[in-house]
């Protein structure tokens, strides 16, 4: 089993910044691709950004140039630096990670952290 614990959400004014963190713990061989997704009220969960173990990144068009995803493999932790925040970034942000356990890959989700951007 893998536990993902997010932190760093909160309330910020438009134009401000927040940094989210997500640490993976438990029994696993490796943590592979990690990423962030978000879900706004009344909308489906959508990809924000992902990062492979080797550092390759992928971003949603809506956050390119404003958000930066990074990770510390030694700490099994992924970060999301969010700058120039907009009210439309308001959502619950979920951490996601793929883990290899006994030669099989499993997908895990955190419980989410609320990000609210006021205008």
N, C-alpha and C. Protein backbone atom coordinates (compact mmCIF):
# COMPACT_ATOMS: atom_id res chain seq x y z
N UNK A 1 0.84 -1.20 0.00
CA UNK A 1 0.00 0.00 0.00
C UNK A 1 0.87 1.24 0.00
N UNK A 2 0.34 2.29 -0.62
CA UNK A 2 1.04 3.57 -0.68
C UNK A 2 0.10 4.65 -0.18
N UNK A 3 0.62 5.50 0.67
CA UNK A 3 -0.16 6.65 1.15
C UNK A 3 0.44 7.91 0.55
N UNK A 4 -0.44 8.77 0.06
CA UNK A 4 -0.04 10.07 -0.48
C UNK A 4 -0.64 11.16 0.39
N UNK A 5 0.21 12.03 0.90
CA UNK A 5 -0.26 13.10 1.78
C UNK A 5 0.10 14.44 1.17
N UNK A 6 -0.94 15.22 0.84
CA UNK A 6 -0.74 16.53 0.24
C UNK A 6 -0.70 17.61 1.31
N UNK A 7 -0.03 18.70 0.99
CA UNK A 7 -0.03 19.86 1.87
C UNK A 7 0.23 21.10 1.03
N UNK A 8 -0.10 22.25 1.60
CA UNK A 8 0.24 23.51 0.94
C UNK A 8 -0.92 24.27 0.32
N UNK A 9 -2.10 23.71 0.36
CA UNK A 9 -3.24 24.43 -0.19
C UNK A 9 -3.63 25.60 0.69
N UNK A 10 -4.58 26.40 0.22
CA UNK A 10 -5.04 27.53 1.00
C UNK A 10 -5.75 28.56 0.16
N UNK A 11 -5.91 29.73 0.77
CA UNK A 11 -6.59 30.85 0.12
C UNK A 11 -5.55 31.89 -0.28
N UNK A 12 -5.63 32.34 -1.52
CA UNK A 12 -4.68 33.33 -2.03
C UNK A 12 -5.40 34.27 -2.98
N UNK A 13 -4.91 35.49 -3.06
CA UNK A 13 -5.50 36.44 -4.00
C UNK A 13 -4.99 36.18 -5.42
N UNK A 14 -5.78 36.60 -6.38
CA UNK A 14 -5.37 36.46 -7.78
C UNK A 14 -4.01 37.12 -7.99
N UNK A 15 -3.16 36.43 -8.74
CA UNK A 15 -1.81 36.91 -8.96
C UNK A 15 -0.80 36.38 -7.97
N UNK A 16 -1.29 35.74 -6.93
CA UNK A 16 -0.42 35.21 -5.89
C UNK A 16 0.14 33.85 -6.24
N UNK A 17 0.84 33.27 -5.27
CA UNK A 17 1.51 31.98 -5.47
C UNK A 17 1.22 31.04 -4.32
N UNK A 18 1.27 29.76 -4.63
CA UNK A 18 1.18 28.69 -3.63
C UNK A 18 2.09 27.56 -4.08
N UNK A 19 2.56 26.79 -3.11
CA UNK A 19 3.36 25.61 -3.43
C UNK A 19 2.74 24.41 -2.75
N UNK A 20 2.36 23.43 -3.55
CA UNK A 20 1.81 22.19 -3.03
C UNK A 20 2.91 21.13 -2.94
N UNK A 21 2.78 20.28 -1.94
CA UNK A 21 3.70 19.15 -1.77
C UNK A 21 2.89 17.88 -1.60
N UNK A 22 3.46 16.77 -2.02
CA UNK A 22 2.81 15.47 -1.85
C UNK A 22 3.90 14.44 -1.60
N UNK A 23 3.84 13.81 -0.44
CA UNK A 23 4.83 12.81 -0.07
C UNK A 23 4.22 11.42 -0.10
N UNK A 24 4.92 10.49 -0.72
CA UNK A 24 4.48 9.10 -0.79
C UNK A 24 5.21 8.28 0.27
N UNK A 25 4.44 7.44 0.95
CA UNK A 25 5.04 6.55 1.94
C UNK A 25 4.37 5.19 1.86
N UNK A 26 5.02 4.19 2.43
CA UNK A 26 4.46 2.84 2.42
C UNK A 26 5.47 1.83 1.92
N UNK A 27 4.98 0.67 1.52
CA UNK A 27 5.85 -0.40 1.05
C UNK A 27 5.75 -0.50 -0.47
N UNK A 28 6.82 -0.15 -1.16
CA UNK A 28 6.84 -0.21 -2.61
C UNK A 28 8.26 -0.35 -3.09
N UNK A 29 8.41 -0.81 -4.34
CA UNK A 29 9.73 -0.91 -4.94
C UNK A 29 10.17 0.44 -5.48
N UNK A 30 9.25 1.13 -6.16
CA UNK A 30 9.58 2.45 -6.69
C UNK A 30 8.31 3.25 -6.93
N UNK A 31 8.47 4.56 -6.86
CA UNK A 31 7.40 5.48 -7.26
C UNK A 31 7.74 5.98 -8.64
N UNK A 32 6.85 5.81 -9.57
CA UNK A 32 7.12 6.14 -10.96
C UNK A 32 6.57 7.53 -11.29
N UNK A 33 5.70 7.65 -12.28
CA UNK A 33 5.17 8.96 -12.61
C UNK A 33 4.32 9.51 -11.45
N UNK A 34 4.55 10.76 -11.12
CA UNK A 34 3.75 11.45 -10.11
C UNK A 34 3.12 12.67 -10.77
N UNK A 35 2.03 13.12 -10.20
CA UNK A 35 1.39 14.27 -10.83
C UNK A 35 0.32 14.89 -9.99
N UNK A 36 -0.27 15.94 -10.55
CA UNK A 36 -1.33 16.68 -9.90
C UNK A 36 -2.54 16.78 -10.84
N UNK A 37 -3.69 16.58 -10.27
CA UNK A 37 -4.95 16.75 -10.96
C UNK A 37 -5.80 17.69 -10.12
N UNK A 38 -6.82 18.26 -10.71
CA UNK A 38 -7.70 19.13 -9.94
C UNK A 38 -9.15 18.94 -10.36
N UNK A 39 -10.03 19.26 -9.42
CA UNK A 39 -11.46 19.16 -9.70
C UNK A 39 -12.15 20.37 -9.11
N UNK A 40 -12.74 21.15 -9.98
CA UNK A 40 -13.51 22.31 -9.56
C UNK A 40 -14.96 21.89 -9.37
N UNK A 41 -15.73 22.65 -8.58
CA UNK A 41 -17.13 22.29 -8.35
C UNK A 41 -17.90 22.16 -9.66
N UNK A 42 -18.60 21.05 -9.80
CA UNK A 42 -19.41 20.82 -10.99
C UNK A 42 -18.65 20.41 -12.23
N UNK A 43 -17.36 20.19 -12.09
CA UNK A 43 -16.55 19.82 -13.24
C UNK A 43 -15.85 18.49 -12.99
N UNK A 44 -15.39 17.88 -14.09
CA UNK A 44 -14.66 16.63 -13.98
C UNK A 44 -13.22 16.89 -13.52
N UNK A 45 -12.63 15.88 -12.94
CA UNK A 45 -11.23 15.97 -12.56
C UNK A 45 -10.38 16.08 -13.83
N UNK A 46 -9.40 16.98 -13.80
CA UNK A 46 -8.56 17.20 -14.97
C UNK A 46 -7.08 17.20 -14.59
N UNK A 47 -6.27 16.82 -15.58
CA UNK A 47 -4.83 16.81 -15.37
C UNK A 47 -4.30 18.24 -15.24
N UNK A 48 -3.38 18.43 -14.30
CA UNK A 48 -2.68 19.71 -14.19
C UNK A 48 -1.25 19.55 -14.70
N UNK A 49 -0.53 18.59 -14.10
CA UNK A 49 0.86 18.38 -14.50
C UNK A 49 1.32 17.02 -14.01
N UNK A 50 2.22 16.41 -14.78
CA UNK A 50 2.83 15.16 -14.37
C UNK A 50 4.34 15.23 -14.57
N UNK A 51 5.04 14.36 -13.85
CA UNK A 51 6.49 14.29 -13.98
C UNK A 51 6.93 12.85 -13.80
N UNK A 52 7.75 12.37 -14.72
CA UNK A 52 8.24 11.00 -14.63
C UNK A 52 9.40 10.93 -13.63
N UNK A 53 9.80 9.73 -13.31
CA UNK A 53 10.92 9.56 -12.40
C UNK A 53 12.19 10.18 -12.98
N UNK A 54 12.29 10.19 -14.29
CA UNK A 54 13.45 10.78 -14.94
C UNK A 54 13.37 12.28 -15.12
N UNK A 55 12.23 12.87 -14.79
CA UNK A 55 12.11 14.33 -14.83
C UNK A 55 11.37 14.89 -16.02
N UNK A 56 10.83 14.04 -16.89
CA UNK A 56 10.06 14.56 -18.02
C UNK A 56 8.70 15.06 -17.52
N UNK A 57 8.31 16.22 -17.99
CA UNK A 57 7.09 16.85 -17.49
C UNK A 57 6.04 17.02 -18.58
N UNK A 58 4.81 17.14 -18.14
CA UNK A 58 3.67 17.37 -19.03
C UNK A 58 2.72 18.30 -18.29
N UNK A 59 2.21 19.32 -19.00
CA UNK A 59 1.33 20.30 -18.38
C UNK A 59 0.05 20.47 -19.17
N UNK A 60 -1.01 20.78 -18.47
CA UNK A 60 -2.23 21.23 -19.13
C UNK A 60 -1.95 22.60 -19.75
N UNK A 61 -2.57 22.85 -20.89
CA UNK A 61 -2.34 24.14 -21.58
C UNK A 61 -2.70 25.31 -20.68
N UNK A 62 -3.70 25.14 -19.83
CA UNK A 62 -4.19 26.24 -19.01
C UNK A 62 -3.19 26.68 -17.93
N UNK A 63 -2.20 25.86 -17.63
CA UNK A 63 -1.25 26.20 -16.57
C UNK A 63 0.17 26.38 -17.08
N UNK A 64 0.39 26.13 -18.36
CA UNK A 64 1.75 26.27 -18.91
C UNK A 64 2.26 27.69 -18.71
N UNK A 65 3.50 27.79 -18.25
CA UNK A 65 4.11 29.09 -18.02
C UNK A 65 3.81 29.67 -16.65
N UNK A 66 2.86 29.09 -15.93
CA UNK A 66 2.51 29.58 -14.59
C UNK A 66 2.83 28.57 -13.50
N UNK A 67 2.64 27.30 -13.80
CA UNK A 67 2.87 26.24 -12.82
C UNK A 67 4.13 25.46 -13.18
N UNK A 68 4.83 24.98 -12.16
CA UNK A 68 6.01 24.15 -12.36
C UNK A 68 5.93 22.93 -11.45
N UNK A 69 6.03 21.75 -12.06
CA UNK A 69 6.03 20.51 -11.28
C UNK A 69 7.48 20.04 -11.15
N UNK A 70 7.81 19.53 -9.96
CA UNK A 70 9.15 19.01 -9.71
C UNK A 70 9.03 17.87 -8.70
N UNK A 71 10.12 17.15 -8.52
CA UNK A 71 10.07 16.04 -7.57
C UNK A 71 11.45 15.81 -6.97
N UNK A 72 11.42 15.17 -5.81
CA UNK A 72 12.63 14.73 -5.11
C UNK A 72 12.50 13.23 -4.97
N UNK A 73 13.22 12.49 -5.81
CA UNK A 73 13.08 11.03 -5.79
C UNK A 73 13.54 10.42 -4.47
N UNK A 74 14.53 11.02 -3.85
CA UNK A 74 15.02 10.49 -2.57
C UNK A 74 13.97 10.58 -1.48
N UNK A 75 13.09 11.57 -1.60
CA UNK A 75 12.04 11.77 -0.60
C UNK A 75 10.68 11.29 -1.10
N UNK A 76 10.64 10.76 -2.33
CA UNK A 76 9.37 10.33 -2.93
C UNK A 76 8.31 11.42 -2.81
N UNK A 77 8.70 12.61 -3.14
CA UNK A 77 7.84 13.78 -2.99
C UNK A 77 7.75 14.54 -4.31
N UNK A 78 6.55 14.99 -4.62
CA UNK A 78 6.31 15.81 -5.79
C UNK A 78 5.80 17.17 -5.34
N UNK A 79 6.20 18.20 -6.07
CA UNK A 79 5.82 19.56 -5.73
C UNK A 79 5.10 20.21 -6.92
N UNK A 80 4.27 21.19 -6.61
CA UNK A 80 3.65 21.98 -7.65
C UNK A 80 3.76 23.45 -7.23
N UNK A 81 4.61 24.18 -7.91
CA UNK A 81 4.74 25.62 -7.68
C UNK A 81 3.75 26.32 -8.58
N UNK A 82 2.83 27.05 -7.98
CA UNK A 82 1.77 27.72 -8.74
C UNK A 82 1.94 29.23 -8.60
N UNK A 83 2.22 29.87 -9.72
CA UNK A 83 2.39 31.32 -9.75
C UNK A 83 1.30 31.96 -10.59
N UNK A 84 1.15 33.25 -10.44
CA UNK A 84 0.15 34.00 -11.22
C UNK A 84 -1.21 33.32 -11.17
N UNK A 85 -1.63 32.97 -9.98
CA UNK A 85 -2.88 32.23 -9.82
C UNK A 85 -4.08 33.06 -10.25
N UNK A 86 -5.06 32.35 -10.81
CA UNK A 86 -6.28 32.97 -11.30
C UNK A 86 -7.48 32.37 -10.56
N UNK A 87 -8.59 33.09 -10.49
CA UNK A 87 -9.78 32.52 -9.83
C UNK A 87 -10.18 31.17 -10.44
N UNK A 88 -9.97 30.99 -11.72
CA UNK A 88 -10.33 29.72 -12.36
C UNK A 88 -9.42 28.57 -11.96
N UNK A 89 -8.37 28.84 -11.22
CA UNK A 89 -7.53 27.77 -10.68
C UNK A 89 -8.11 27.19 -9.39
N UNK A 90 -9.17 27.80 -8.89
CA UNK A 90 -9.81 27.32 -7.67
C UNK A 90 -10.33 25.90 -7.88
N UNK A 91 -9.91 25.00 -7.01
CA UNK A 91 -10.29 23.58 -7.14
C UNK A 91 -9.69 22.80 -5.97
N UNK A 92 -10.10 21.56 -5.87
CA UNK A 92 -9.38 20.62 -5.00
C UNK A 92 -8.28 19.99 -5.85
N UNK A 93 -7.07 20.04 -5.36
CA UNK A 93 -5.92 19.50 -6.07
C UNK A 93 -5.56 18.14 -5.48
N UNK A 94 -5.48 17.15 -6.35
CA UNK A 94 -5.18 15.79 -5.94
C UNK A 94 -3.82 15.36 -6.45
N UNK A 95 -3.08 14.70 -5.58
CA UNK A 95 -1.81 14.10 -5.96
C UNK A 95 -2.06 12.69 -6.48
N UNK A 96 -1.31 12.31 -7.49
CA UNK A 96 -1.42 10.97 -8.08
C UNK A 96 -0.03 10.39 -8.24
N UNK A 97 0.08 9.08 -8.01
CA UNK A 97 1.38 8.43 -8.19
C UNK A 97 1.19 6.99 -8.63
N UNK A 98 2.09 6.56 -9.50
CA UNK A 98 2.15 5.16 -9.87
C UNK A 98 3.26 4.51 -9.09
N UNK A 99 3.00 3.34 -8.52
CA UNK A 99 4.00 2.66 -7.71
C UNK A 99 4.16 1.22 -8.19
N UNK A 100 5.40 0.77 -8.19
CA UNK A 100 5.68 -0.62 -8.52
C UNK A 100 5.79 -1.41 -7.22
N UNK A 101 4.93 -2.40 -7.10
CA UNK A 101 4.91 -3.26 -5.91
C UNK A 101 4.90 -4.70 -6.41
N UNK A 102 5.92 -5.45 -6.04
CA UNK A 102 6.02 -6.86 -6.45
C UNK A 102 5.82 -7.03 -7.94
N UNK A 103 6.52 -6.21 -8.73
CA UNK A 103 6.56 -6.26 -10.19
C UNK A 103 5.26 -5.86 -10.86
N UNK A 104 4.29 -5.38 -10.12
CA UNK A 104 3.07 -4.86 -10.73
C UNK A 104 2.96 -3.37 -10.42
N UNK A 105 2.27 -2.62 -11.32
CA UNK A 105 2.12 -1.18 -11.11
C UNK A 105 0.71 -0.87 -10.63
N UNK A 106 0.65 0.00 -9.64
CA UNK A 106 -0.62 0.40 -9.06
C UNK A 106 -0.71 1.93 -9.07
N UNK A 107 -1.94 2.41 -9.08
CA UNK A 107 -2.21 3.85 -9.16
C UNK A 107 -2.82 4.30 -7.84
N UNK A 108 -2.29 5.38 -7.29
CA UNK A 108 -2.77 5.87 -6.00
C UNK A 108 -3.12 7.35 -6.07
N UNK A 109 -4.06 7.74 -5.20
CA UNK A 109 -4.50 9.13 -5.12
C UNK A 109 -4.43 9.63 -3.68
N UNK A 110 -4.09 10.89 -3.54
CA UNK A 110 -4.19 11.53 -2.24
C UNK A 110 -5.62 11.96 -1.99
N UNK A 111 -5.86 12.52 -0.79
CA UNK A 111 -7.21 12.93 -0.43
C UNK A 111 -7.57 14.31 -0.97
N UNK A 112 -6.57 15.04 -1.42
CA UNK A 112 -6.83 16.34 -1.99
C UNK A 112 -6.57 17.49 -1.04
N UNK A 113 -6.23 18.63 -1.61
CA UNK A 113 -6.03 19.84 -0.83
C UNK A 113 -6.71 21.00 -1.56
N UNK A 114 -7.44 21.80 -0.82
CA UNK A 114 -8.22 22.88 -1.43
C UNK A 114 -7.34 24.08 -1.76
N UNK A 115 -7.49 24.57 -2.97
CA UNK A 115 -6.85 25.82 -3.40
C UNK A 115 -7.96 26.77 -3.81
N UNK A 116 -7.99 27.92 -3.17
CA UNK A 116 -9.01 28.92 -3.48
C UNK A 116 -8.32 30.23 -3.85
N UNK A 117 -8.66 30.75 -5.03
CA UNK A 117 -8.06 31.99 -5.51
C UNK A 117 -9.16 33.04 -5.59
N UNK A 118 -9.01 34.09 -4.81
CA UNK A 118 -10.03 35.15 -4.79
C UNK A 118 -9.66 36.23 -5.79
N UNK A 119 -10.70 36.85 -6.35
CA UNK A 119 -10.48 37.90 -7.36
C UNK A 119 -10.34 39.28 -6.73
